[in-house]
C-alpha atoms as a PDB file:
ATOM      1  CA  MET A   1     143.976 102.639  78.589  1.00  0.00           C
ATOM      2  CA  PRO A   2     146.521 103.686  75.934  1.00  0.00           C
ATOM      3  CA  THR A   3     145.139 105.069  72.694  1.00  0.00           C
ATOM      4  CA  VAL A   4     146.289 107.090  69.712  1.00  0.00           C
ATOM      5  CA  ARG A   5     142.834 108.657  69.427  1.00  0.00           C
ATOM      6  CA  PRO A   6     142.017 112.084  70.868  1.00  0.00           C
ATOM      7  CA  ARG A   7     140.543 112.234  74.344  1.00  0.00           C
ATOM      8  CA  HIS A   8     137.953 114.749  75.493  1.00  0.00           C
ATOM      9  CA  ALA A   9     137.333 116.150  78.948  1.00  0.00           C
ATOM     10  CA  ILE A  10     133.819 117.003  80.100  1.00  0.00           C
ATOM     11  CA  THR A  11     132.788 118.881  83.217  1.00  0.00           C
ATOM     12  CA  GLU A  12     129.978 117.337  85.218  1.00  0.00           C
ATOM     13  CA  THR A  13     127.475 120.168  85.067  1.00  0.00           C
ATOM     14  CA  ASP A  14     123.986 119.728  86.484  1.00  0.00           C
ATOM     15  CA  ALA A  15     122.765 118.644  83.039  1.00  0.00           C
ATOM     16  CA  VAL A  16     125.591 116.123  82.635  1.00  0.00           C
ATOM     17  CA  ALA A  17     124.969 114.773  86.150  1.00  0.00           C
ATOM     18  CA  ALA A  18     121.259 114.355  85.369  1.00  0.00           C
ATOM     19  CA  ALA A  19     122.090 112.584  82.097  1.00  0.00           C
ATOM     20  CA  LEU A  20     124.505 110.251  83.902  1.00  0.00           C
ATOM     21  CA  GLU A  21     121.898 109.520  86.543  1.00  0.00           C
ATOM     22  CA  ALA A  22     119.305 108.640  83.898  1.00  0.00           C
ATOM     23  CA  ALA A  23     121.841 106.555  81.995  1.00  0.00           C
ATOM     24  CA  ALA A  24     122.720 104.672  85.182  1.00  0.00           C
ATOM     25  CA  ARG A  25     119.039 103.794  85.621  1.00  0.00           C
ATOM     26  CA  LYS A  26     118.882 102.527  82.021  1.00  0.00           C
ATOM     27  CA  TRP A  27     122.202 100.652  82.188  1.00  0.00           C
ATOM     28  CA  PRO A  28     122.672  99.729  85.861  1.00  0.00           C
ATOM     29  CA  GLU A  29     125.555  97.406  84.963  1.00  0.00           C
ATOM     30  CA  ASP A  30     127.580 100.515  84.087  1.00  0.00           C
ATOM     31  CA  ARG A  31     126.480 102.623  87.067  1.00  0.00           C
ATOM     32  CA  ASP A  32     130.062 102.888  88.349  1.00  0.00           C
ATOM     33  CA  ARG A  33     131.553 103.553  84.901  1.00  0.00           C
ATOM     34  CA  PRO A  34     130.651 107.143  83.950  1.00  0.00           C
ATOM     35  CA  ALA A  35     132.889 107.097  80.868  1.00  0.00           C
ATOM     36  CA  ARG A  36     130.950 104.084  79.556  1.00  0.00           C
ATOM     37  CA  LEU A  37     127.641 105.802  80.324  1.00  0.00           C
ATOM     38  CA  LEU A  38     128.796 108.939  78.491  1.00  0.00           C
ATOM     39  CA  ALA A  39     129.861 106.862  75.483  1.00  0.00           C
ATOM     40  CA  ARG A  40     126.399 105.252  75.402  1.00  0.00           C
ATOM     41  CA  LEU A  41     124.723 108.664  75.674  1.00  0.00           C
ATOM     42  CA  VAL A  42     126.859 110.012  72.832  1.00  0.00           C
ATOM     43  CA  ALA A  43     125.975 107.015  70.647  1.00  0.00           C
ATOM     44  CA  ILE A  44     122.250 107.518  71.245  1.00  0.00           C
ATOM     45  CA  GLY A  45     122.529 111.264  70.653  1.00  0.00           C
ATOM     46  CA  PHE A  46     124.431 110.659  67.420  1.00  0.00           C
ATOM     47  CA  HIS A  47     121.822 108.176  66.210  1.00  0.00           C
ATOM     48  CA  THR A  48     119.000 110.586  67.066  1.00  0.00           C
ATOM     49  CA  ILE A  49     120.665 113.441  65.177  1.00  0.00           C
ATOM     50  CA  GLU A  50     121.285 111.225  62.145  1.00  0.00           C
ATOM     51  CA  ILE A  51     117.608 110.275  62.025  1.00  0.00           C
ATOM     52  CA  GLU A  52     116.563 113.927  62.367  1.00  0.00           C
ATOM     53  CA  LEU A  53     118.927 115.032  59.602  1.00  0.00           C
ATOM     54  CA  ASP A  54     117.737 112.224  57.327  1.00  0.00           C
ATOM     55  CA  GLU A  55     114.107 113.223  57.948  1.00  0.00           C
ATOM     56  CA  LYS A  56     114.831 116.872  57.148  1.00  0.00           C
ATOM     57  CA  ALA A  57     116.672 115.897  53.962  1.00  0.00           C
ATOM     58  CA  PHE A  58     113.735 113.683  52.965  1.00  0.00           C
ATOM     59  CA  GLU A  59     111.289 116.555  53.581  1.00  0.00           C
ATOM     60  CA  ARG A  60     113.429 118.909  51.443  1.00  0.00           C
ATOM     61  CA  ARG A  61     113.616 116.378  48.610  1.00  0.00           C
ATOM     62  CA  ARG A  62     109.866 115.783  48.795  1.00  0.00           C
ATOM     63  CA  ALA A  63     109.187 119.543  48.639  1.00  0.00           C
ATOM     64  CA  LEU A  64     111.528 119.921  45.658  1.00  0.00           C
ATOM     65  CA  GLU A  65     109.848 117.054  43.850  1.00  0.00           C
ATOM     66  CA  GLN A  66     106.400 118.465  44.653  1.00  0.00           C
ATOM     67  CA  PHE A  67     107.188 121.882  43.196  1.00  0.00           C
ATOM     68  CA  ALA A  68     109.578 120.819  40.433  1.00  0.00           C
ATOM     69  CA  GLY A  69     108.385 122.259  37.137  1.00  0.00           C
ATOM     70  CA  SER A  70     105.671 124.368  38.750  1.00  0.00           C
ATOM     71  CA  LEU A  71     107.087 127.542  37.157  1.00  0.00           C
ATOM     72  CA  THR A  72     107.562 126.039  33.715  1.00  0.00           C
ATOM     73  CA  GLY A  73     106.284 128.490  31.129  1.00  0.00           C
ATOM     74  CA  VAL A  74     106.128 131.449  33.513  1.00  0.00           C
ATOM     75  CA  TYR A  75     109.101 133.117  31.832  1.00  0.00           C
ATOM     76  CA  GLU A  76     108.976 133.342  28.066  1.00  0.00           C
ATOM     77  CA  PRO A  77     112.022 132.526  25.926  1.00  0.00           C
ATOM     78  CA  GLY A  78     114.546 135.363  25.888  1.00  0.00           C
ATOM     79  CA  TYR A  79     113.353 136.775  29.221  1.00  0.00           C
ATOM     80  CA  LEU A  80     116.837 136.939  30.733  1.00  0.00           C
ATOM     81  CA  ASP A  81     118.356 138.488  27.631  1.00  0.00           C
ATOM     82  CA  ALA A  82     115.672 141.202  27.623  1.00  0.00           C
ATOM     83  CA  LEU A  83     116.160 141.828  31.319  1.00  0.00           C
ATOM     84  CA  ARG A  84     119.933 142.079  30.940  1.00  0.00           C
ATOM     85  CA  ALA A  85     119.539 144.480  28.014  1.00  0.00           C
ATOM     86  CA  GLU A  86     117.936 146.944  30.453  1.00  0.00           C
ATOM     87  CA  TRP A  87     121.036 146.954  32.681  1.00  0.00           C
ATOM     88  CA  PRO A  88     123.501 149.804  32.242  1.00  0.00           C
ATOM     89  CA  ASP A  89     126.896 148.793  30.825  1.00  0.00           C
END
């Protein structure tokens, strides 16, 4: 089918063959269409990664919110200026 979009070649390694076999069991209507099975596998993989990344971002935000302000008052005013004054010119 003609397209202006990039195409990608993939070698059917043992792992790819196993993934295609599993995909064919899940979507038997596409058993004879490996490109369609691969596209479905990519879509599921993409969705899974998006969820994982969103969860990690949520965990980071939660940790930041939990510890935000926890060091308030630890360093007295002028601390950085005093520290920098000790540095050689």
